[in-house]
PDB file of all heavy atoms in Angstrom:
ATOM      1  N   GLY A   1      68.844 -61.383 -55.582  1.00  0.00           N
ATOM      2  CA  GLY A   1      67.579 -60.712 -55.294  1.00  0.00           C
ATOM      3  C   GLY A   1      67.082 -59.852 -56.428  1.00  0.00           C
ATOM      4  O   GLY A   1      65.870 -59.789 -56.682  1.00  0.00           O
ATOM      5  N   GLY A   2      67.991 -59.166 -57.128  1.00  0.00           N
ATOM      6  CA  GLY A   2      67.601 -58.297 -58.236  1.00  0.00           C
ATOM      7  C   GLY A   2      66.864 -59.031 -59.337  1.00  0.00           C
ATOM      8  O   GLY A   2      65.711 -58.704 -59.669  1.00  0.00           O
ATOM      9  N   PRO A   3      67.513 -60.064 -59.933  1.00  0.00           N
ATOM     10  CA  PRO A   3      66.819 -60.805 -60.999  1.00  0.00           C
ATOM     11  C   PRO A   3      65.549 -61.513 -60.532  1.00  0.00           C
ATOM     12  O   PRO A   3      64.563 -61.567 -61.265  1.00  0.00           O
ATOM     13  CB  PRO A   3      67.877 -61.817 -61.484  1.00  0.00           C
ATOM     14  CG  PRO A   3      68.985 -61.779 -60.490  1.00  0.00           C
ATOM     15  CD  PRO A   3      68.924 -60.452 -59.815  1.00  0.00           C
ATOM     16  N   ILE A   4      65.553 -62.029 -59.297  1.00  0.00           N
ATOM     17  CA  ILE A   4      64.350 -62.699 -58.787  1.00  0.00           C
ATOM     18  C   ILE A   4      63.215 -61.687 -58.619  1.00  0.00           C
ATOM     19  O   ILE A   4      62.060 -61.967 -58.958  1.00  0.00           O
ATOM     20  CB  ILE A   4      64.643 -63.417 -57.444  1.00  0.00           C
ATOM     21  CG1 ILE A   4      65.611 -64.575 -57.669  1.00  0.00           C
ATOM     22  CG2 ILE A   4      63.342 -63.925 -56.818  1.00  0.00           C
ATOM     23  CD1 ILE A   4      66.070 -65.254 -56.395  1.00  0.00           C
ATOM     24  N   ALA A   5      63.554 -60.502 -58.126  1.00  0.00           N
ATOM     25  CA  ALA A   5      62.544 -59.448 -57.954  1.00  0.00           C
ATOM     26  C   ALA A   5      61.948 -59.053 -59.301  1.00  0.00           C
ATOM     27  O   ALA A   5      60.732 -58.830 -59.411  1.00  0.00           O
ATOM     28  CB  ALA A   5      63.164 -58.229 -57.266  1.00  0.00           C
ATOM     29  N   ILE A   6      62.778 -58.958 -60.338  1.00  0.00           N
ATOM     30  CA  ILE A   6      62.287 -58.626 -61.679  1.00  0.00           C
ATOM     31  C   ILE A   6      61.320 -59.705 -62.172  1.00  0.00           C
ATOM     32  O   ILE A   6      60.265 -59.401 -62.746  1.00  0.00           O
ATOM     33  CB  ILE A   6      63.463 -58.455 -62.666  1.00  0.00           C
ATOM     34  CG1 ILE A   6      64.159 -57.114 -62.399  1.00  0.00           C
ATOM     35  CG2 ILE A   6      62.981 -58.514 -64.113  1.00  0.00           C
ATOM     36  CD1 ILE A   6      65.356 -56.850 -63.296  1.00  0.00           C
ATOM     37  N   LEU A   7      61.677 -60.978 -61.947  1.00  0.00           N
ATOM     38  CA  LEU A   7      60.809 -62.081 -62.376  1.00  0.00           C
ATOM     39  C   LEU A   7      59.466 -62.030 -61.642  1.00  0.00           C
ATOM     40  O   LEU A   7      58.407 -62.190 -62.262  1.00  0.00           O
ATOM     41  CB  LEU A   7      61.494 -63.425 -62.104  1.00  0.00           C
ATOM     42  CG  LEU A   7      62.604 -63.831 -63.080  1.00  0.00           C
ATOM     43  CD1 LEU A   7      63.300 -65.101 -62.595  1.00  0.00           C
ATOM     44  CD2 LEU A   7      62.029 -64.049 -64.487  1.00  0.00           C
ATOM     45  N   ILE A   8      59.496 -61.791 -60.334  1.00  0.00           N
ATOM     46  CA  ILE A   8      58.262 -61.773 -59.543  1.00  0.00           C
ATOM     47  C   ILE A   8      57.380 -60.591 -59.940  1.00  0.00           C
ATOM     48  O   ILE A   8      56.185 -60.748 -60.251  1.00  0.00           O
ATOM     49  CB  ILE A   8      58.589 -61.714 -58.030  1.00  0.00           C
ATOM     50  CG1 ILE A   8      59.260 -63.014 -57.576  1.00  0.00           C
ATOM     51  CG2 ILE A   8      57.310 -61.455 -57.215  1.00  0.00           C
ATOM     52  CD1 ILE A   8      59.788 -62.977 -56.152  1.00  0.00           C
ATOM     53  N   VAL A   9      57.964 -59.400 -59.936  1.00  0.00           N
ATOM     54  CA  VAL A   9      57.190 -58.191 -60.251  1.00  0.00           C
ATOM     55  C   VAL A   9      56.763 -58.198 -61.716  1.00  0.00           C
ATOM     56  O   VAL A   9      55.643 -57.792 -62.054  1.00  0.00           O
ATOM     57  CB  VAL A   9      58.010 -56.921 -59.928  1.00  0.00           C
ATOM     58  CG1 VAL A   9      57.246 -55.667 -60.350  1.00  0.00           C
ATOM     59  CG2 VAL A   9      58.330 -56.861 -58.439  1.00  0.00           C
ATOM     60  N   GLY A  10      57.646 -58.679 -62.601  1.00  0.00           N
ATOM     61  CA  GLY A  10      57.329 -58.737 -64.030  1.00  0.00           C
ATOM     62  C   GLY A  10      56.182 -59.669 -64.344  1.00  0.00           C
ATOM     63  O   GLY A  10      55.394 -59.420 -65.273  1.00  0.00           O
ATOM     64  N   THR A  11      56.063 -60.747 -63.557  1.00  0.00           N
ATOM     65  CA  THR A  11      54.959 -61.693 -63.745  1.00  0.00           C
ATOM     66  C   THR A  11      53.634 -61.054 -63.369  1.00  0.00           C
ATOM     67  O   THR A  11      52.610 -61.246 -64.031  1.00  0.00           O
ATOM     68  CB  THR A  11      55.189 -62.959 -62.891  1.00  0.00           C
ATOM     69  OG1 THR A  11      56.432 -63.559 -63.275  1.00  0.00           O
ATOM     70  CG2 THR A  11      54.060 -63.961 -63.093  1.00  0.00           C
ATOM     71  N   ILE A  12      53.654 -60.263 -62.292  1.00  0.00           N
ATOM     72  CA  ILE A  12      52.431 -59.631 -61.799  1.00  0.00           C
ATOM     73  C   ILE A  12      52.085 -58.379 -62.597  1.00  0.00           C
ATOM     74  O   ILE A  12      50.922 -58.142 -62.952  1.00  0.00           O
ATOM     75  CB  ILE A  12      52.584 -59.271 -60.300  1.00  0.00           C
ATOM     76  CG1 ILE A  12      52.832 -60.544 -59.488  1.00  0.00           C
ATOM     77  CG2 ILE A  12      51.359 -58.514 -59.784  1.00  0.00           C
ATOM     78  CD1 ILE A  12      53.255 -60.288 -58.060  1.00  0.00           C
ATOM     79  N   SER A  13      53.107 -57.563 -62.880  1.00  0.00           N
ATOM     80  CA  SER A  13      52.876 -56.288 -63.571  1.00  0.00           C
ATOM     81  C   SER A  13      54.016 -56.026 -64.574  1.00  0.00           C
ATOM     82  O   SER A  13      54.978 -55.317 -64.251  1.00  0.00           O
ATOM     83  CB  SER A  13      52.786 -55.162 -62.540  1.00  0.00           C
ATOM     84  OG  SER A  13      52.492 -53.938 -63.155  1.00  0.00           O
ATOM     85  N   PRO A  14      53.935 -56.592 -65.783  1.00  0.00           N
ATOM     86  CA  PRO A  14      55.022 -56.517 -66.759  1.00  0.00           C
ATOM     87  C   PRO A  14      55.437 -55.087 -67.144  1.00  0.00           C
ATOM     88  O   PRO A  14      56.597 -54.851 -67.454  1.00  0.00           O
ATOM     89  CB  PRO A  14      54.452 -57.256 -67.986  1.00  0.00           C
ATOM     90  CG  PRO A  14      53.355 -58.101 -67.448  1.00  0.00           C
ATOM     91  CD  PRO A  14      52.791 -57.368 -66.281  1.00  0.00           C
ATOM     92  N   GLU A  15      54.508 -54.140 -67.094  1.00  0.00           N
ATOM     93  CA  GLU A  15      54.834 -52.778 -67.533  1.00  0.00           C
ATOM     94  C   GLU A  15      55.875 -52.105 -66.629  1.00  0.00           C
ATOM     95  O   GLU A  15      56.593 -51.196 -67.061  1.00  0.00           O
ATOM     96  CB  GLU A  15      53.569 -51.914 -67.606  1.00  0.00           C
ATOM     97  CG  GLU A  15      52.903 -51.580 -66.272  1.00  0.00           C
ATOM     98  CD  GLU A  15      51.982 -52.675 -65.774  1.00  0.00           C
ATOM     99  OE1 GLU A  15      51.890 -53.736 -66.435  1.00  0.00           O
ATOM    100  OE2 GLU A  15      51.348 -52.472 -64.717  1.00  0.00           O
ATOM    101  N   ILE A  16      55.981 -52.558 -65.374  1.00  0.00           N
ATOM    102  CA  ILE A  16      56.929 -51.934 -64.427  1.00  0.00           C
ATOM    103  C   ILE A  16      58.365 -52.208 -64.844  1.00  0.00           C
ATOM    104  O   ILE A  16      59.251 -51.356 -64.675  1.00  0.00           O
ATOM    105  CB  ILE A  16      56.686 -52.451 -62.987  1.00  0.00           C
ATOM    106  CG1 ILE A  16      55.322 -51.969 -62.488  1.00  0.00           C
ATOM    107  CG2 ILE A  16      57.786 -51.966 -62.030  1.00  0.00           C
ATOM    108  CD1 ILE A  16      54.960 -52.480 -61.097  1.00  0.00           C
ATOM    109  N   ILE A  17      58.636 -53.389 -65.399  1.00  0.00           N
ATOM    110  CA  ILE A  17      60.027 -53.755 -65.713  1.00  0.00           C
ATOM    111  C   ILE A  17      60.362 -53.517 -67.181  1.00  0.00           C
ATOM    112  O   ILE A  17      61.367 -54.012 -67.678  1.00  0.00           O
ATOM    113  CB  ILE A  17      60.303 -55.227 -65.350  1.00  0.00           C
ATOM    114  CG1 ILE A  17      59.421 -56.166 -66.197  1.00  0.00           C
ATOM    115  CG2 ILE A  17      60.081 -55.467 -63.873  1.00  0.00           C
ATOM    116  CD1 ILE A  17      59.914 -57.571 -66.243  1.00  0.00           C
ATOM    117  N   GLY A  18      59.547 -52.758 -67.890  1.00  0.00           N
ATOM    118  CA  GLY A  18      59.751 -52.523 -69.320  1.00  0.00           C
ATOM    119  C   GLY A  18      60.793 -51.461 -69.608  1.00  0.00           C
ATOM    120  O   GLY A  18      61.815 -51.342 -68.943  1.00  0.00           O
ATOM    121  N   GLY A  19      60.500 -50.651 -70.622  1.00  0.00           N
ATOM    122  CA  GLY A  19      61.427 -49.599 -71.039  1.00  0.00           C
ATOM    123  C   GLY A  19      62.271 -50.037 -72.214  1.00  0.00           C
ATOM    124  O   GLY A  19      62.464 -51.235 -72.464  1.00  0.00           O
ATOM    125  N   THR A  20      62.774 -49.051 -72.979  1.00  0.00           N
ATOM    126  CA  THR A  20      63.643 -49.346 -74.108  1.00  0.00           C
ATOM    127  C   THR A  20      64.900 -48.493 -74.031  1.00  0.00           C
ATOM    128  O   THR A  20      64.898 -47.398 -73.462  1.00  0.00           O
ATOM    129  CB  THR A  20      62.917 -49.044 -75.442  1.00  0.00           C
ATOM    130  OG1 THR A  20      62.470 -47.673 -75.445  1.00  0.00           O
ATOM    131  CG2 THR A  20      61.718 -49.956 -75.627  1.00  0.00           C
ATOM    132  N   GLY A  21      65.968 -49.021 -74.622  1.00  0.00           N
ATOM    133  CA  GLY A  21      67.217 -48.259 -74.678  1.00  0.00           C
ATOM    134  C   GLY A  21      67.722 -47.885 -73.292  1.00  0.00           C
ATOM    135  O   GLY A  21      67.798 -48.717 -72.387  1.00  0.00           O
ATOM    136  N   ALA A  22      68.033 -46.606 -73.113  1.00  0.00           N
ATOM    137  CA  ALA A  22      68.581 -46.125 -71.835  1.00  0.00           C
ATOM    138  C   ALA A  22      67.545 -46.144 -70.719  1.00  0.00           C
ATOM    139  O   ALA A  22      67.897 -45.990 -69.542  1.00  0.00           O
ATOM    140  CB  ALA A  22      69.126 -44.706 -72.002  1.00  0.00           C
ATOM    141  N   ASP A  23      66.272 -46.340 -71.081  1.00  0.00           N
ATOM    142  CA  ASP A  23      65.211 -46.377 -70.066  1.00  0.00           C
ATOM    143  C   ASP A  23      64.833 -47.797 -69.652  1.00  0.00           C
ATOM    144  O   ASP A  23      63.845 -47.991 -68.936  1.00  0.00           O
ATOM    145  CB  ASP A  23      63.962 -45.658 -70.578  1.00  0.00           C
ATOM    146  CG  ASP A  23      64.137 -44.145 -70.564  1.00  0.00           C
ATOM    147  OD1 ASP A  23      64.647 -43.620 -69.558  1.00  0.00           O
ATOM    148  OD2 ASP A  23      63.788 -43.496 -71.561  1.00  0.00           O
ATOM    149  N   GLU A  24      65.595 -48.797 -70.095  1.00  0.00           N
ATOM    150  CA  GLU A  24      65.341 -50.164 -69.654  1.00  0.00           C
ATOM    151  C   GLU A  24      65.566 -50.229 -68.144  1.00  0.00           C
ATOM    152  O   GLU A  24      66.633 -49.855 -67.647  1.00  0.00           O
ATOM    153  CB  GLU A  24      66.269 -51.139 -70.374  1.00  0.00           C
ATOM    154  CG  GLU A  24      65.920 -51.332 -71.847  1.00  0.00           C
ATOM    155  CD  GLU A  24      66.904 -52.250 -72.539  1.00  0.00           C
ATOM    156  OE1 GLU A  24      68.055 -51.838 -72.737  1.00  0.00           O
ATOM    157  OE2 GLU A  24      66.525 -53.382 -72.869  1.00  0.00           O
ATOM    158  N   VAL A  25      64.563 -50.719 -67.444  1.00  0.00           N
ATOM    159  CA  VAL A  25      64.594 -50.667 -65.974  1.00  0.00           C
ATOM    160  C   VAL A  25      65.791 -51.413 -65.386  1.00  0.00           C
ATOM    161  O   VAL A  25      66.378 -50.985 -64.396  1.00  0.00           O
ATOM    162  CB  VAL A  25      63.264 -51.211 -65.407  1.00  0.00           C
ATOM    163  CG1 VAL A  25      63.339 -51.367 -63.891  1.00  0.00           C
ATOM    164  CG2 VAL A  25      62.114 -50.288 -65.782  1.00  0.00           C
ATOM    165  N   TRP A  26      66.184 -52.534 -66.002  1.00  0.00           N
ATOM    166  CA  TRP A  26      67.293 -53.306 -65.447  1.00  0.00           C
ATOM    167  C   TRP A  26      68.590 -52.492 -65.425  1.00  0.00           C
ATOM    168  O   TRP A  26      69.447 -52.708 -64.547  1.00  0.00           O
ATOM    169  CB  TRP A  26      67.503 -54.613 -66.235  1.00  0.00           C
ATOM    170  CG  TRP A  26      68.017 -54.437 -67.639  1.00  0.00           C
ATOM    171  CD1 TRP A  26      67.270 -54.337 -68.775  1.00  0.00           C
ATOM    172  CD2 TRP A  26      69.384 -54.324 -68.047  1.00  0.00           C
ATOM    173  NE1 TRP A  26      68.082 -54.164 -69.869  1.00  0.00           N
ATOM    174  CE2 TRP A  26      69.384 -54.163 -69.457  1.00  0.00           C
ATOM    175  CE3 TRP A  26      70.603 -54.351 -67.380  1.00  0.00           C
ATOM    176  CZ2 TRP A  26      70.562 -54.026 -70.193  1.00  0.00           C
ATOM    177  CZ3 TRP A  26      71.788 -54.215 -68.107  1.00  0.00           C
ATOM    178  CH2 TRP A  26      71.752 -54.055 -69.501  1.00  0.00           C
ATOM    179  N   ARG A  27      68.738 -51.531 -66.348  1.00  0.00           N
ATOM    180  CA  ARG A  27      69.943 -50.686 -66.354  1.00  0.00           C
ATOM    181  C   ARG A  27      69.996 -49.816 -65.084  1.00  0.00           C
ATOM    182  O   ARG A  27      71.054 -49.651 -64.473  1.00  0.00           O
ATOM    183  CB  ARG A  27      69.954 -49.782 -67.593  1.00  0.00           C
ATOM    184  CG  ARG A  27      70.085 -50.524 -68.911  1.00  0.00           C
ATOM    185  CD  ARG A  27      70.119 -49.551 -70.092  1.00  0.00           C
ATOM    186  NE  ARG A  27      70.073 -50.261 -71.359  1.00  0.00           N
ATOM    187  CZ  ARG A  27      71.162 -50.716 -71.993  1.00  0.00           C
ATOM    188  NH1 ARG A  27      72.357 -50.522 -71.488  1.00  0.00           N
ATOM    189  NH2 ARG A  27      71.036 -51.358 -73.139  1.00  0.00           N
ATOM    190  N   GLY A  28      68.846 -49.272 -64.712  1.00  0.00           N
ATOM    191  CA  GLY A  28      68.796 -48.488 -63.484  1.00  0.00           C
ATOM    192  C   GLY A  28      69.014 -49.352 -62.251  1.00  0.00           C
ATOM    193  O   GLY A  28      69.720 -48.955 -61.314  1.00  0.00           O
ATOM    194  N   LEU A  29      68.429 -50.562 -62.263  1.00  0.00           N
ATOM    195  CA  LEU A  29      68.587 -51.469 -61.130  1.00  0.00           C
ATOM    196  C   LEU A  29      70.033 -51.922 -60.961  1.00  0.00           C
ATOM    197  O   LEU A  29      70.459 -52.258 -59.850  1.00  0.00           O
ATOM    198  CB  LEU A  29      67.662 -52.682 -61.296  1.00  0.00           C
ATOM    199  CG  LEU A  29      66.156 -52.388 -61.222  1.00  0.00           C
ATOM    200  CD1 LEU A  29      65.361 -53.635 -61.583  1.00  0.00           C
ATOM    201  CD2 LEU A  29      65.772 -51.898 -59.825  1.00  0.00           C
ATOM    202  N   ALA A  30      70.788 -51.914 -62.050  1.00  0.00           N
ATOM    203  CA  ALA A  30      72.214 -52.268 -61.960  1.00  0.00           C
ATOM    204  C   ALA A  30      72.948 -51.305 -61.033  1.00  0.00           C
ATOM    205  O   ALA A  30      73.846 -51.704 -60.279  1.00  0.00           O
ATOM    206  CB  ALA A  30      72.849 -52.254 -63.351  1.00  0.00           C
ATOM    207  N   THR A  31      72.557 -50.030 -61.064  1.00  0.00           N
ATOM    208  CA  THR A  31      73.207 -49.046 -60.189  1.00  0.00           C
ATOM    209  C   THR A  31      72.833 -49.277 -58.732  1.00  0.00           C
ATOM    210  O   THR A  31      73.632 -49.032 -57.831  1.00  0.00           O
ATOM    211  CB  THR A  31      72.844 -47.601 -60.594  1.00  0.00           C
ATOM    212  OG1 THR A  31      71.448 -47.364 -60.365  1.00  0.00           O
ATOM    213  CG2 THR A  31      73.156 -47.343 -62.057  1.00  0.00           C
ATOM    214  N   VAL A  32      71.603 -49.766 -58.496  1.00  0.00           N
ATOM    215  CA  VAL A  32      71.193 -50.104 -57.130  1.00  0.00           C
ATOM    216  C   VAL A  32      72.021 -51.283 -56.621  1.00  0.00           C
ATOM    217  O   VAL A  32      72.463 -51.293 -55.465  1.00  0.00           O
ATOM    218  CB  VAL A  32      69.687 -50.444 -57.072  1.00  0.00           C
ATOM    219  CG1 VAL A  32      69.283 -50.860 -55.656  1.00  0.00           C
ATOM    220  CG2 VAL A  32      68.856 -49.254 -57.539  1.00  0.00           C
ATOM    221  N   ALA A  33      72.253 -52.269 -57.497  1.00  0.00           N
ATOM    222  CA  ALA A  33      73.087 -53.416 -57.122  1.00  0.00           C
ATOM    223  C   ALA A  33      74.487 -52.952 -56.735  1.00  0.00           C
ATOM    224  O   ALA A  33      75.069 -53.432 -55.754  1.00  0.00           O
ATOM    225  CB  ALA A  33      73.161 -54.417 -58.274  1.00  0.00           C
ATOM    226  N   GLY A  34      75.036 -52.000 -57.492  1.00  0.00           N
ATOM    227  CA  GLY A  34      76.355 -51.467 -57.178  1.00  0.00           C
ATOM    228  C   GLY A  34      76.389 -50.822 -55.810  1.00  0.00           C
ATOM    229  O   GLY A  34      77.321 -51.019 -55.026  1.00  0.00           O
ATOM    230  N   SER A  35      75.348 -50.066 -55.500  1.00  0.00           N
ATOM    231  CA  SER A  35      75.273 -49.385 -54.209  1.00  0.00           C
ATOM    232  C   SER A  35      75.075 -50.370 -53.069  1.00  0.00           C
ATOM    233  O   SER A  35      75.709 -50.248 -52.016  1.00  0.00           O
ATOM    234  CB  SER A  35      74.114 -48.383 -54.234  1.00  0.00           C
ATOM    235  OG  SER A  35      73.952 -47.764 -52.982  1.00  0.00           O
ATOM    236  N   TRP A  36      74.217 -51.381 -53.266  1.00  0.00           N
ATOM    237  CA  TRP A  36      73.863 -52.297 -52.176  1.00  0.00           C
ATOM    238  C   TRP A  36      74.919 -53.364 -51.918  1.00  0.00           C
ATOM    239  O   TRP A  36      74.942 -53.966 -50.850  1.00  0.00           O
ATOM    240  CB  TRP A  36      72.521 -52.957 -52.472  1.00  0.00           C
ATOM    241  CG  TRP A  36      71.357 -52.031 -52.225  1.00  0.00           C
ATOM    242  CD1 TRP A  36      71.417 -50.731 -51.805  1.00  0.00           C
ATOM    243  CD2 TRP A  36      69.964 -52.333 -52.370  1.00  0.00           C
ATOM    244  NE1 TRP A  36      70.165 -50.202 -51.692  1.00  0.00           N
ATOM    245  CE2 TRP A  36      69.240 -51.163 -52.033  1.00  0.00           C
ATOM    246  CE3 TRP A  36      69.260 -53.463 -52.760  1.00  0.00           C
ATOM    247  CZ2 TRP A  36      67.852 -51.105 -52.070  1.00  0.00           C
ATOM    248  CZ3 TRP A  36      67.881 -53.412 -52.804  1.00  0.00           C
ATOM    249  CH2 TRP A  36      67.176 -52.254 -52.458  1.00  0.00           C
ATOM    250  N   ILE A  37      75.775 -53.642 -52.884  1.00  0.00           N
ATOM    251  CA  ILE A  37      76.852 -54.606 -52.642  1.00  0.00           C
ATOM    252  C   ILE A  37      78.109 -53.876 -52.180  1.00  0.00           C
ATOM    253  O   ILE A  37      78.843 -54.343 -51.319  1.00  0.00           O
ATOM    254  CB  ILE A  37      77.146 -55.461 -53.890  1.00  0.00           C
ATOM    255  CG1 ILE A  37      75.915 -56.306 -54.257  1.00  0.00           C
ATOM    256  CG2 ILE A  37      78.342 -56.384 -53.650  1.00  0.00           C
ATOM    257  CD1 ILE A  37      76.047 -57.079 -55.547  1.00  0.00           C
ATOM    258  N   GLY A  38      78.363 -52.708 -52.748  1.00  0.00           N
ATOM    259  CA  GLY A  38      79.565 -51.961 -52.391  1.00  0.00           C
ATOM    260  C   GLY A  38      79.257 -50.608 -51.803  1.00  0.00           C
ATOM    261  O   GLY A  38      79.123 -50.427 -50.607  1.00  0.00           O
ATOM    262  N   GLY A  39      79.107 -49.620 -52.676  1.00  0.00           N
ATOM    263  CA  GLY A  39      78.849 -48.262 -52.200  1.00  0.00           C
ATOM    264  C   GLY A  39      78.747 -47.299 -53.361  1.00  0.00           C
ATOM    265  O   GLY A  39      78.535 -47.705 -54.514  1.00  0.00           O
ATOM    266  N   GLY A  40      78.925 -46.026 -53.071  1.00  0.00           N
ATOM    267  CA  GLY A  40      78.764 -44.985 -54.089  1.00  0.00           C
ATOM    268  C   GLY A  40      79.675 -45.156 -55.285  1.00  0.00           C
ATOM    269  O   GLY A  40      79.268 -44.932 -56.431  1.00  0.00           O
ATOM    270  N   ALA A  41      80.933 -45.565 -55.037  1.00  0.00           N
ATOM    271  CA  ALA A  41      81.879 -45.726 -56.141  1.00  0.00           C
ATOM    272  C   ALA A  41      81.453 -46.862 -57.065  1.00  0.00           C
ATOM    273  O   ALA A  41      81.552 -46.759 -58.297  1.00  0.00           O
ATOM    274  CB  ALA A  41      83.282 -45.993 -55.603  1.00  0.00           C
ATOM    275  N   ASN A  42      80.956 -47.949 -56.471  1.00  0.00           N
ATOM    276  CA  ASN A  42      80.500 -49.093 -57.264  1.00  0.00           C
ATOM    277  C   ASN A  42      79.228 -48.743 -58.028  1.00  0.00           C
ATOM    278  O   ASN A  42      79.023 -49.188 -59.164  1.00  0.00           O
ATOM    279  CB  ASN A  42      80.254 -50.294 -56.362  1.00  0.00           C
ATOM    280  CG  ASN A  42      81.436 -50.591 -55.460  1.00  0.00           C
ATOM    281  OD1 ASN A  42      81.468 -50.117 -54.336  1.00  0.00           O
ATOM    282  ND2 ASN A  42      82.393 -51.338 -55.937  1.00  0.00           N
ATOM    283  N   GLN A  43      78.381 -47.921 -57.420  1.00  0.00           N
ATOM    284  CA  GLN A  43      77.172 -47.452 -58.091  1.00  0.00           C
ATOM    285  C   GLN A  43      77.543 -46.617 -59.318  1.00  0.00           C
ATOM    286  O   GLN A  43      76.947 -46.774 -60.391  1.00  0.00           O
ATOM    287  CB  GLN A  43      76.332 -46.629 -57.123  1.00  0.00           C
ATOM    288  CG  GLN A  43      75.001 -46.163 -57.707  1.00  0.00           C
ATOM    289  CD  GLN A  43      74.185 -45.383 -56.696  1.00  0.00           C
ATOM    290  OE1 GLN A  43      74.718 -44.561 -55.951  1.00  0.00           O
ATOM    291  NE2 GLN A  43      72.885 -45.631 -56.656  1.00  0.00           N
ATOM    292  N   THR A  44      78.536 -45.753 -59.152  1.00  0.00           N
ATOM    293  CA  THR A  44      79.003 -44.927 -60.270  1.00  0.00           C
ATOM    294  C   THR A  44      79.576 -45.786 -61.387  1.00  0.00           C
ATOM    295  O   THR A  44      79.373 -45.502 -62.575  1.00  0.00           O
ATOM    296  CB  THR A  44      80.071 -43.927 -59.774  1.00  0.00           C
ATOM    297  OG1 THR A  44      79.502 -43.124 -58.733  1.00  0.00           O
ATOM    298  CG2 THR A  44      80.538 -43.026 -60.899  1.00  0.00           C
ATOM    299  N   ALA A  45      80.280 -46.844 -60.999  1.00  0.00           N
ATOM    300  CA  ALA A  45      80.841 -47.764 -61.996  1.00  0.00           C
ATOM    301  C   ALA A  45      79.733 -48.397 -62.835  1.00  0.00           C
ATOM    302  O   ALA A  45      79.835 -48.483 -64.066  1.00  0.00           O
ATOM    303  CB  ALA A  45      81.670 -48.848 -61.309  1.00  0.00           C
TER     304      ALA A  45
END
């Protein structure tokens, strides 16, 4: 769902999924994936 959501939203509004370095949006979304598959510890990882 994460990568598909990026493709869908990025096609419609590319600026939402942008960012550089530590502000690259996919880096933040990785923590959401950790939380939604496991929990707080996985999010921290």
